[in-house]
Amino acid sequence: TGLIVERTTTDPALAAAILARPENYYVNVHTAACPTGTIRGQLA
């Protein structure tokens, strides 16, 4: 268990698009042990 916080910057237009239609985007978490992806979550 735990919390990992990592931040990144993005283009303001992309951020606005995600906020306007989050259902069109997802988060995919990759690790060294699972480089193809270990968790995928659809935004809503």
PDB file of N, CA and C in Angstrom:
ATOM      1  N   THR A   1       0.844  -1.174   0.000  1.00  0.00           N
ATOM      2  CA  THR A   1       0.000   0.000   0.000  1.00  0.00           C
ATOM      3  C   THR A   1       0.886   1.231   0.000  1.00  0.00           C
ATOM      4  N   GLY A   2       0.344   2.306  -0.437  1.00  0.00           N
ATOM      5  CA  GLY A   2       1.109   3.541  -0.451  1.00  0.00           C
ATOM      6  C   GLY A   2       0.554   4.508  -1.469  1.00  0.00           C
ATOM      7  N   LEU A   3       1.216   5.611  -1.542  1.00  0.00           N
ATOM      8  CA  LEU A   3       0.802   6.674  -2.446  1.00  0.00           C
ATOM      9  C   LEU A   3       2.017   7.123  -3.231  1.00  0.00           C
ATOM     10  N   ILE A   4       1.880   7.151  -4.535  1.00  0.00           N
ATOM     11  CA  ILE A   4       2.941   7.645  -5.403  1.00  0.00           C
ATOM     12  C   ILE A   4       2.402   8.882  -6.097  1.00  0.00           C
ATOM     13  N   VAL A   5       3.138   9.956  -5.990  1.00  0.00           N
ATOM     14  CA  VAL A   5       2.720  11.204  -6.625  1.00  0.00           C
ATOM     15  C   VAL A   5       3.802  11.610  -7.611  1.00  0.00           C
ATOM     16  N   GLU A   6       3.421  11.723  -8.850  1.00  0.00           N
ATOM     17  CA  GLU A   6       4.336  12.218  -9.867  1.00  0.00           C
ATOM     18  C   GLU A   6       3.582  13.233 -10.699  1.00  0.00           C
ATOM     19  N   ARG A   7       4.222  14.319 -10.976  1.00  0.00           N
ATOM     20  CA  ARG A   7       3.573  15.396 -11.723  1.00  0.00           C
ATOM     21  C   ARG A   7       4.230  15.561 -13.075  1.00  0.00           C
ATOM     22  N   THR A   8       3.446  16.055 -13.985  1.00  0.00           N
ATOM     23  CA  THR A   8       3.946  16.351 -15.316  1.00  0.00           C
ATOM     24  C   THR A   8       3.262  17.613 -15.806  1.00  0.00           C
ATOM     25  N   THR A   9       3.785  18.195 -16.829  1.00  0.00           N
ATOM     26  CA  THR A   9       3.140  19.364 -17.420  1.00  0.00           C
ATOM     27  C   THR A   9       2.527  18.958 -18.751  1.00  0.00           C
ATOM     28  N   THR A  10       1.505  19.668 -19.140  1.00  0.00           N
ATOM     29  CA  THR A  10       0.858  19.389 -20.413  1.00  0.00           C
ATOM     30  C   THR A  10       0.426  20.693 -21.052  1.00  0.00           C
ATOM     31  N   ASP A  11       0.118  20.610 -22.303  1.00  0.00           N
ATOM     32  CA  ASP A  11      -0.355  21.763 -23.052  1.00  0.00           C
ATOM     33  C   ASP A  11      -1.700  22.227 -22.479  1.00  0.00           C
ATOM     34  N   PRO A  12      -1.888  23.520 -22.271  1.00  0.00           N
ATOM     35  CA  PRO A  12      -3.161  24.009 -21.721  1.00  0.00           C
ATOM     36  C   PRO A  12      -4.378  23.601 -22.551  1.00  0.00           C
ATOM     37  N   ALA A  13      -4.232  23.515 -23.860  1.00  0.00           N
ATOM     38  CA  ALA A  13      -5.363  23.107 -24.704  1.00  0.00           C
ATOM     39  C   ALA A  13      -5.741  21.650 -24.434  1.00  0.00           C
ATOM     40  N   LEU A  14      -4.751  20.791 -24.226  1.00  0.00           N
ATOM     41  CA  LEU A  14      -5.035  19.395 -23.908  1.00  0.00           C
ATOM     42  C   LEU A  14      -5.701  19.285 -22.544  1.00  0.00           C
ATOM     43  N   ALA A  15      -5.211  20.026 -21.569  1.00  0.00           N
ATOM     44  CA  ALA A  15      -5.826  20.015 -20.239  1.00  0.00           C
ATOM     45  C   ALA A  15      -7.285  20.456 -20.320  1.00  0.00           C
ATOM     46  N   ALA A  16      -7.568  21.475 -21.100  1.00  0.00           N
ATOM     47  CA  ALA A  16      -8.947  21.948 -21.262  1.00  0.00           C
ATOM     48  C   ALA A  16      -9.809  20.883 -21.934  1.00  0.00           C
ATOM     49  N   ALA A  17      -9.256  20.186 -22.917  1.00  0.00           N
ATOM     50  CA  ALA A  17     -10.002  19.132 -23.607  1.00  0.00           C
ATOM     51  C   ALA A  17     -10.317  17.980 -22.659  1.00  0.00           C
ATOM     52  N   ILE A  18      -9.362  17.612 -21.818  1.00  0.00           N
ATOM     53  CA  ILE A  18      -9.595  16.543 -20.844  1.00  0.00           C
ATOM     54  C   ILE A  18     -10.677  16.954 -19.854  1.00  0.00           C
ATOM     55  N   LEU A  19     -10.619  18.183 -19.375  1.00  0.00           N
ATOM     56  CA  LEU A  19     -11.634  18.656 -18.432  1.00  0.00           C
ATOM     57  C   LEU A  19     -13.014  18.737 -19.074  1.00  0.00           C
ATOM     58  N   ALA A  20     -13.066  19.090 -20.354  1.00  0.00           N
ATOM     59  CA  ALA A  20     -14.347  19.224 -21.044  1.00  0.00           C
ATOM     60  C   ALA A  20     -14.979  17.866 -21.355  1.00  0.00           C
ATOM     61  N   ARG A  21     -14.154  16.865 -21.709  1.00  0.00           N
ATOM     62  CA  ARG A  21     -14.672  15.544 -22.097  1.00  0.00           C
ATOM     63  C   ARG A  21     -13.806  14.435 -21.511  1.00  0.00           C
ATOM     64  N   PRO A  22     -13.773  14.295 -20.191  1.00  0.00           N
ATOM     65  CA  PRO A  22     -12.880  13.307 -19.576  1.00  0.00           C
ATOM     66  C   PRO A  22     -13.149  11.873 -20.027  1.00  0.00           C
ATOM     67  N   GLU A  23     -14.376  11.593 -20.427  1.00  0.00           N
ATOM     68  CA  GLU A  23     -14.708  10.225 -20.851  1.00  0.00           C
ATOM     69  C   GLU A  23     -13.947   9.793 -22.101  1.00  0.00           C
ATOM     70  N   ASN A  24     -13.334  10.722 -22.798  1.00  0.00           N
ATOM     71  CA  ASN A  24     -12.549  10.404 -23.995  1.00  0.00           C
ATOM     72  C   ASN A  24     -11.095  10.057 -23.671  1.00  0.00           C
ATOM     73  N   TYR A  25     -10.733  10.020 -22.385  1.00  0.00           N
ATOM     74  CA  TYR A  25      -9.332   9.839 -21.988  1.00  0.00           C
ATOM     75  C   TYR A  25      -9.211   8.762 -20.922  1.00  0.00           C
ATOM     76  N   TYR A  26      -8.018   8.214 -20.802  1.00  0.00           N
ATOM     77  CA  TYR A  26      -7.745   7.216 -19.777  1.00  0.00           C
ATOM     78  C   TYR A  26      -6.330   7.402 -19.240  1.00  0.00           C
ATOM     79  N   VAL A  27      -6.078   6.770 -18.103  1.00  0.00           N
ATOM     80  CA  VAL A  27      -4.760   6.768 -17.474  1.00  0.00           C
ATOM     81  C   VAL A  27      -4.222   5.349 -17.576  1.00  0.00           C
ATOM     82  N   ASN A  28      -2.975   5.218 -17.976  1.00  0.00           N
ATOM     83  CA  ASN A  28      -2.336   3.917 -18.079  1.00  0.00           C
ATOM     84  C   ASN A  28      -1.042   3.967 -17.278  1.00  0.00           C
ATOM     85  N   VAL A  29      -0.919   3.090 -16.281  1.00  0.00           N
ATOM     86  CA  VAL A  29       0.255   3.070 -15.408  1.00  0.00           C
ATOM     87  C   VAL A  29       1.197   1.960 -15.861  1.00  0.00           C
ATOM     88  N   HIS A  30       2.448   2.314 -16.075  1.00  0.00           N
ATOM     89  CA  HIS A  30       3.488   1.367 -16.463  1.00  0.00           C
ATOM     90  C   HIS A  30       4.529   1.309 -15.357  1.00  0.00           C
ATOM     91  N   THR A  31       5.140   0.150 -15.170  1.00  0.00           N
ATOM     92  CA  THR A  31       6.236  -0.006 -14.216  1.00  0.00           C
ATOM     93  C   THR A  31       7.385  -0.725 -14.913  1.00  0.00           C
ATOM     94  N   ALA A  32       8.543  -0.734 -14.270  1.00  0.00           N
ATOM     95  CA  ALA A  32       9.683  -1.470 -14.822  1.00  0.00           C
ATOM     96  C   ALA A  32       9.359  -2.960 -14.910  1.00  0.00           C
ATOM     97  N   ALA A  33       8.602  -3.466 -13.946  1.00  0.00           N
ATOM     98  CA  ALA A  33       8.239  -4.883 -13.935  1.00  0.00           C
ATOM     99  C   ALA A  33       7.152  -5.221 -14.953  1.00  0.00           C
ATOM    100  N   CYS A  34       6.372  -4.233 -15.339  1.00  0.00           N
ATOM    101  CA  CYS A  34       5.276  -4.451 -16.295  1.00  0.00           C
ATOM    102  C   CYS A  34       5.251  -3.292 -17.290  1.00  0.00           C
ATOM    103  N   PRO A  35       6.210  -3.258 -18.218  1.00  0.00           N
ATOM    104  CA  PRO A  35       6.341  -2.117 -19.118  1.00  0.00           C
ATOM    105  C   PRO A  35       5.189  -1.942 -20.110  1.00  0.00           C
ATOM    106  N   THR A  36       4.378  -2.965 -20.313  1.00  0.00           N
ATOM    107  CA  THR A  36       3.250  -2.822 -21.229  1.00  0.00           C
ATOM    108  C   THR A  36       2.018  -2.239 -20.553  1.00  0.00           C
ATOM    109  N   GLY A  37       2.087  -2.064 -19.259  1.00  0.00           N
ATOM    110  CA  GLY A  37       0.982  -1.461 -18.518  1.00  0.00           C
ATOM    111  C   GLY A  37       0.469  -2.395 -17.448  1.00  0.00           C
ATOM    112  N   THR A  38       0.276  -1.870 -16.271  1.00  0.00           N
ATOM    113  CA  THR A  38      -0.189  -2.680 -15.150  1.00  0.00           C
ATOM    114  C   THR A  38      -1.594  -2.297 -14.701  1.00  0.00           C
ATOM    115  N   ILE A  39      -1.976  -1.045 -14.908  1.00  0.00           N
ATOM    116  CA  ILE A  39      -3.312  -0.561 -14.547  1.00  0.00           C
ATOM    117  C   ILE A  39      -3.769   0.402 -15.636  1.00  0.00           C
ATOM    118  N   ARG A  40      -5.031   0.278 -16.038  1.00  0.00           N
ATOM    119  CA  ARG A  40      -5.621   1.233 -16.975  1.00  0.00           C
ATOM    120  C   ARG A  40      -6.943   1.674 -16.387  1.00  0.00           C
ATOM    121  N   GLY A  41      -7.172   2.980 -16.350  1.00  0.00           N
ATOM    122  CA  GLY A  41      -8.411   3.495 -15.792  1.00  0.00           C
ATOM    123  C   GLY A  41      -9.026   4.550 -16.688  1.00  0.00           C
ATOM    124  N   GLN A  42     -10.274   4.335 -17.054  1.00  0.00           N
ATOM    125  CA  GLN A  42     -11.011   5.288 -17.879  1.00  0.00           C
ATOM    126  C   GLN A  42     -11.435   6.468 -17.019  1.00  0.00           C
ATOM    127  N   LEU A  43     -11.250   7.678 -17.507  1.00  0.00           N
ATOM    128  CA  LEU A  43     -11.735   8.858 -16.794  1.00  0.00           C
ATOM    129  C   LEU A  43     -13.230   8.996 -17.025  1.00  0.00           C
ATOM    130  N   ALA A  44     -13.902   9.647 -16.124  1.00  0.00           N
ATOM    131  CA  ALA A  44     -15.350   9.812 -16.264  1.00  0.00           C
ATOM    132  C   ALA A  44     -15.750  11.214 -15.907  1.00  0.00           C
TER     133      ALA A  44
END
